[in-house]
Amino acid sequence: MKPMRLLLLICVVLSLSCSKPAAPGETALPADLMALDPPAVPATGLRAVERAGGIDFRWLTGPAASMDVRLPGPARLRLAFRVSNPLAGQEITVSVNGHELAQVAALAASRRLADWQDFAFDFDAPAGLSRVTLTFSRYNHHTPQETFAPGDQDRLAVQVSRLCLGLADK
C-alpha cells in the first residue's frame, strides 16, 4: 500500500474509533430537527416538515414549542434556528429547564417563507434531561387580531427552516 493511502486509512480508522455514538436513552448531537420527521429528539409544538417554493420548513405552534435532550454529562450546547414570522411584534422567549435564557423582542412581520432571521443561543446543560422551550407571544387564533389562517385550527406561531441543538463551539 502506498504511504499516502496508508496514512489516509489510519486517519479514517482513528476518527471512527474516536467518535462515540450516544448511549441508549441519550441524545445524539447535533440533533437536526429539520432532518427527520418525526424529529430526532422528543419535541412538542412542531408540525411536520413541509416543502414550498423549494424550501423545507416546519411551523412551530403556540404558545410554546419544546425539545428534550438527554446528556451523559454537563455540556455547553447551542440552539440555532432560522425563523420567518407572520405576526408583527412577535416575541420569542428561549428557556432551558424553565429558566429564561434569552428573548427575541418585537420581530417584524415577514413575507411567507421569506425575510428569514437567524438566531443562536449557547447555554450550559446539566447531565440528564434538559428541556429547551421557545415561547411565543403571538400565534394564530390567540386573539381575533392574530388570526392569519382562519381555516387552520393550529396555533401557528413561526416558520423555521433551520432548527438544531448541538454542541457549542469552544
Protein backbone atom coordinates (compact mmCIF):
# COMPACT_ATOMS: atom_id res chain seq x y z
CA MET A 1 0.00 0.00 0.00
CA LYS A 2 1.29 3.46 -0.87
CA PRO A 3 2.31 5.63 2.12
CA MET A 4 -0.34 8.33 1.45
CA ARG A 5 -3.15 5.76 1.20
CA LEU A 6 -1.95 4.06 4.39
CA LEU A 7 -1.86 7.41 6.21
CA LEU A 8 -5.38 8.23 4.97
CA LEU A 9 -6.63 4.80 6.10
CA ILE A 10 -5.09 5.28 9.56
CA CYS A 11 -6.74 8.72 9.89
CA VAL A 12 -10.14 7.30 8.92
CA VAL A 13 -9.84 4.41 11.39
CA LEU A 14 -8.74 6.76 14.18
CA SER A 15 -11.57 9.19 13.53
CA LEU A 16 -14.11 6.37 13.55
CA SER A 17 -12.76 4.93 16.77
CA CYS A 18 -12.82 8.37 18.47
CA SER A 19 -16.41 9.18 17.62
CA LYS A 20 -18.65 7.72 20.27
CA PRO A 21 -22.31 7.12 19.48
CA ALA A 22 -24.85 8.18 22.06
CA ALA A 23 -25.70 5.54 24.63
CA PRO A 24 -29.27 4.22 24.64
CA GLY A 25 -31.58 6.89 26.02
CA GLU A 26 -29.09 9.71 25.39
CA THR A 27 -29.40 12.32 22.65
CA ALA A 28 -27.05 12.10 19.68
CA LEU A 29 -25.73 15.59 18.90
CA PRO A 30 -26.12 17.56 16.79
CA ALA A 31 -29.87 16.99 16.71
CA ASP A 32 -31.18 18.49 13.46
CA LEU A 33 -34.91 18.89 13.95
CA MET A 34 -35.41 19.58 10.24
CA ALA A 35 -33.75 16.36 9.05
CA LEU A 36 -36.26 13.84 10.29
CA ASP A 37 -40.00 13.62 10.63
CA PRO A 38 -40.68 12.96 13.44
CA PRO A 39 -37.76 14.98 14.81
CA ALA A 40 -34.59 13.37 16.16
CA VAL A 41 -35.43 14.33 19.77
CA PRO A 42 -38.68 14.30 21.74
CA ALA A 43 -40.46 17.53 20.86
CA THR A 44 -43.82 19.26 21.16
CA GLY A 45 -45.23 22.19 19.23
CA LEU A 46 -43.60 21.21 15.92
CA ARG A 47 -45.70 20.44 12.87
CA ALA A 48 -44.49 18.06 10.19
CA VAL A 49 -41.85 19.22 7.71
CA GLU A 50 -43.43 20.89 4.68
CA ARG A 51 -41.95 21.97 1.38
CA ALA A 52 -42.95 25.08 -0.58
CA GLY A 53 -41.04 27.25 -3.01
CA GLY A 54 -38.08 24.86 -2.79
CA ILE A 55 -37.77 25.41 0.98
CA ASP A 56 -38.17 22.77 3.68
CA PHE A 57 -39.77 24.28 6.78
CA ARG A 58 -41.78 23.48 9.88
CA TRP A 59 -44.37 25.52 11.69
CA LEU A 60 -43.76 25.93 15.40
CA THR A 61 -47.01 26.32 17.29
CA GLY A 62 -48.00 28.47 20.22
CA PRO A 63 -47.98 29.10 22.94
CA ALA A 64 -44.71 27.11 23.08
CA ALA A 65 -42.58 24.52 21.30
CA SER A 66 -40.10 22.41 23.25
CA MET A 67 -37.32 19.91 22.64
CA ASP A 68 -35.82 17.46 25.12
CA VAL A 69 -32.16 16.49 25.21
CA ARG A 70 -30.63 13.84 27.47
CA LEU A 71 -26.88 14.12 28.11
CA PRO A 72 -24.42 11.77 29.83
CA GLY A 73 -22.65 14.73 31.46
CA PRO A 74 -22.79 18.52 31.56
CA ALA A 75 -22.17 20.22 28.20
CA ARG A 76 -22.22 23.63 26.55
CA LEU A 77 -24.93 23.49 23.88
CA ARG A 78 -26.15 25.75 21.11
CA LEU A 79 -29.72 26.17 19.93
CA ALA A 80 -29.75 27.59 16.40
CA PHE A 81 -32.81 28.43 14.35
CA ARG A 82 -33.85 30.39 11.26
CA VAL A 83 -37.30 31.93 11.54
CA SER A 84 -39.86 33.58 9.28
CA ASN A 85 -42.52 35.32 11.36
CA PRO A 86 -46.07 36.11 10.13
CA LEU A 87 -47.13 38.33 13.05
CA ALA A 88 -45.70 41.81 13.69
CA GLY A 89 -44.49 42.28 17.24
CA GLN A 90 -43.82 38.59 17.82
CA GLU A 91 -41.63 37.93 20.86
CA ILE A 92 -39.85 34.63 21.36
CA THR A 93 -38.59 33.65 24.80
CA VAL A 94 -35.95 30.92 24.90
CA SER A 95 -35.74 29.00 28.17
CA VAL A 96 -33.87 25.95 29.40
CA ASN A 97 -35.40 23.88 32.19
CA GLY A 98 -37.78 26.75 32.98
CA HIS A 99 -35.05 29.40 33.27
CA GLU A 100 -35.13 32.21 30.72
CA LEU A 101 -32.03 32.22 28.55
CA ALA A 102 -32.88 34.96 26.05
CA GLN A 103 -35.67 36.94 24.49
CA VAL A 104 -36.10 37.95 20.87
CA ALA A 105 -38.29 41.05 21.05
CA ALA A 106 -40.70 42.65 18.61
CA LEU A 107 -39.94 40.80 15.38
CA ALA A 108 -41.28 42.45 12.26
CA ALA A 109 -43.77 40.52 10.16
CA SER A 110 -42.17 38.50 7.36
CA ARG A 111 -43.48 37.66 3.95
CA ARG A 112 -44.41 33.97 3.81
CA LEU A 113 -41.23 31.86 3.61
CA ALA A 114 -39.11 34.99 3.25
CA ASP A 115 -37.26 37.56 5.34
CA TRP A 116 -35.57 34.79 7.35
CA GLN A 117 -33.76 35.76 10.54
CA ASP A 118 -31.07 33.63 12.18
CA PHE A 119 -30.64 33.21 15.92
CA ALA A 120 -28.23 31.15 18.02
CA PHE A 121 -28.02 30.85 21.78
CA ASP A 122 -25.39 28.99 23.80
CA PHE A 123 -26.20 27.55 27.20
CA ASP A 124 -24.91 25.13 29.80
CA ALA A 125 -26.93 21.94 30.10
CA PRO A 126 -26.58 19.59 33.06
CA ALA A 127 -26.22 15.83 32.88
CA GLY A 128 -29.55 14.11 32.34
CA LEU A 129 -32.70 15.56 30.83
CA SER A 130 -33.00 19.19 29.76
CA ARG A 131 -35.98 20.85 28.09
CA VAL A 132 -35.38 23.72 25.68
CA THR A 133 -38.52 25.80 25.12
CA LEU A 134 -39.43 28.54 22.68
CA THR A 135 -42.45 30.52 23.93
CA PHE A 136 -44.34 32.78 21.53
CA SER A 137 -46.26 35.94 22.44
CA ARG A 138 -48.41 35.76 19.30
CA TYR A 139 -49.89 32.90 17.29
CA ASN A 140 -52.83 32.01 15.05
CA HIS A 141 -56.18 32.07 16.95
CA HIS A 142 -54.62 33.59 20.10
CA THR A 143 -56.79 36.66 19.55
CA PRO A 144 -59.04 37.63 16.62
CA GLN A 145 -56.41 40.19 15.52
CA GLU A 146 -53.72 37.49 15.42
CA THR A 147 -55.75 35.03 13.34
CA PHE A 148 -53.99 34.99 9.98
CA ALA A 149 -55.01 31.47 8.87
CA PRO A 150 -58.66 31.07 9.93
CA GLY A 151 -59.02 27.74 8.10
CA ASP A 152 -56.11 26.18 10.02
CA GLN A 153 -57.04 25.39 13.61
CA ASP A 154 -53.40 25.01 14.73
CA ARG A 155 -51.86 27.82 16.72
CA LEU A 156 -49.23 28.62 14.08
CA ALA A 157 -46.55 30.92 15.50
CA VAL A 158 -43.47 30.96 13.24
CA GLN A 159 -41.95 29.01 10.37
CA VAL A 160 -38.45 27.61 10.78
CA SER A 161 -36.16 26.40 8.01
CA ARG A 162 -33.39 25.54 10.48
CA LEU A 163 -33.74 24.15 14.00
CA CYS A 164 -30.75 22.44 15.56
CA LEU A 165 -29.43 21.52 19.00
CA GLY A 166 -25.72 20.80 19.09
CA LEU A 167 -22.50 21.29 20.99
CA ALA A 168 -21.42 24.94 21.19
CA ASP A 169 -18.13 25.96 19.65
CA LYS A 170 -15.31 26.02 22.19
